[in-house]
């Protein structure tokens, strides 16, 4: 019985999936934060480009 628990304790087969999921969540939060902070600047840039193209 103790061998069974030792084998379960040292089994790390599902650990990679949890690490990848946490990494994906972290990257998603970084992208959302970047878009929130840079969104108005990017919108202003494209608005400026659109205005300049209309005047050509």
C-alpha atoms as a PDB file:
ATOM      1  CA  UNK A   1       0.000   0.000   0.000  1.00  0.00           C
ATOM      2  CA  UNK A   2       2.782   2.436   0.815  1.00  0.00           C
ATOM      3  CA  UNK A   3       4.399   1.687  -2.552  1.00  0.00           C
ATOM      4  CA  UNK A   4       1.174   2.731  -4.255  1.00  0.00           C
ATOM      5  CA  UNK A   5       1.153   6.088  -2.424  1.00  0.00           C
ATOM      6  CA  UNK A   6       4.846   6.663  -3.165  1.00  0.00           C
ATOM      7  CA  UNK A   7       4.212   6.056  -6.857  1.00  0.00           C
ATOM      8  CA  UNK A   8       1.255   8.474  -6.850  1.00  0.00           C
ATOM      9  CA  UNK A   9       3.278  11.085  -4.955  1.00  0.00           C
ATOM     10  CA  UNK A  10       6.122  10.997  -7.470  1.00  0.00           C
ATOM     11  CA  UNK A  11       3.892  10.839 -10.562  1.00  0.00           C
ATOM     12  CA  UNK A  12       4.140  14.154 -12.441  1.00  0.00           C
ATOM     13  CA  UNK A  13       2.331  13.245 -15.665  1.00  0.00           C
ATOM     14  CA  UNK A  14      -0.392  15.907 -15.362  1.00  0.00           C
ATOM     15  CA  UNK A  15       1.888  18.683 -14.181  1.00  0.00           C
ATOM     16  CA  UNK A  16       2.808  19.921 -17.662  1.00  0.00           C
ATOM     17  CA  UNK A  17      -0.804  20.616 -18.588  1.00  0.00           C
ATOM     18  CA  UNK A  18      -1.311  22.749 -15.486  1.00  0.00           C
ATOM     19  CA  UNK A  19       1.873  24.706 -16.209  1.00  0.00           C
ATOM     20  CA  UNK A  20       0.838  25.362 -19.806  1.00  0.00           C
ATOM     21  CA  UNK A  21      -2.615  26.474 -18.655  1.00  0.00           C
ATOM     22  CA  UNK A  22      -1.102  28.924 -16.156  1.00  0.00           C
ATOM     23  CA  UNK A  23       1.263  30.238 -18.817  1.00  0.00           C
ATOM     24  CA  UNK A  24      -1.642  30.745 -21.220  1.00  0.00           C
ATOM     25  CA  UNK A  25      -3.617  32.645 -18.571  1.00  0.00           C
ATOM     26  CA  UNK A  26      -0.605  34.844 -17.798  1.00  0.00           C
ATOM     27  CA  UNK A  27      -0.018  35.647 -21.475  1.00  0.00           C
ATOM     28  CA  UNK A  28      -3.714  36.421 -21.947  1.00  0.00           C
ATOM     29  CA  UNK A  29      -3.651  38.858 -19.035  1.00  0.00           C
ATOM     30  CA  UNK A  30      -0.548  40.568 -20.436  1.00  0.00           C
ATOM     31  CA  UNK A  31      -2.166  40.967 -23.864  1.00  0.00           C
ATOM     32  CA  UNK A  32      -5.374  42.342 -22.358  1.00  0.00           C
ATOM     33  CA  UNK A  33      -3.421  44.827 -20.233  1.00  0.00           C
ATOM     34  CA  UNK A  34      -1.332  45.930 -23.222  1.00  0.00           C
ATOM     35  CA  UNK A  35      -4.380  46.437 -25.409  1.00  0.00           C
ATOM     36  CA  UNK A  36      -6.134  48.365 -22.658  1.00  0.00           C
ATOM     37  CA  UNK A  37      -3.171  50.694 -22.206  1.00  0.00           C
ATOM     38  CA  UNK A  38      -2.268  51.062 -25.886  1.00  0.00           C
ATOM     39  CA  UNK A  39      -5.780  50.940 -27.324  1.00  0.00           C
ATOM     40  CA  UNK A  40      -6.400  54.704 -27.436  1.00  0.00           C
ATOM     41  CA  UNK A  41      -2.954  55.370 -28.946  1.00  0.00           C
ATOM     42  CA  UNK A  42      -3.469  52.751 -31.649  1.00  0.00           C
ATOM     43  CA  UNK A  43      -6.952  54.084 -32.372  1.00  0.00           C
ATOM     44  CA  UNK A  44      -5.610  57.605 -32.654  1.00  0.00           C
ATOM     45  CA  UNK A  45      -2.883  56.455 -35.016  1.00  0.00           C
ATOM     46  CA  UNK A  46      -5.317  54.760 -37.386  1.00  0.00           C
ATOM     47  CA  UNK A  47      -7.699  57.706 -37.155  1.00  0.00           C
ATOM     48  CA  UNK A  48      -4.820  59.988 -38.169  1.00  0.00           C
ATOM     49  CA  UNK A  49      -3.917  57.705 -41.078  1.00  0.00           C
ATOM     50  CA  UNK A  50      -7.555  57.646 -42.203  1.00  0.00           C
ATOM     51  CA  UNK A  51      -7.787  61.428 -42.058  1.00  0.00           C
ATOM     52  CA  UNK A  52      -4.566  61.831 -44.039  1.00  0.00           C
ATOM     53  CA  UNK A  53      -5.758  59.372 -46.681  1.00  0.00           C
ATOM     54  CA  UNK A  54      -9.033  61.242 -47.089  1.00  0.00           C
ATOM     55  CA  UNK A  55      -7.145  64.494 -47.720  1.00  0.00           C
ATOM     56  CA  UNK A  56      -4.964  63.025 -50.480  1.00  0.00           C
END
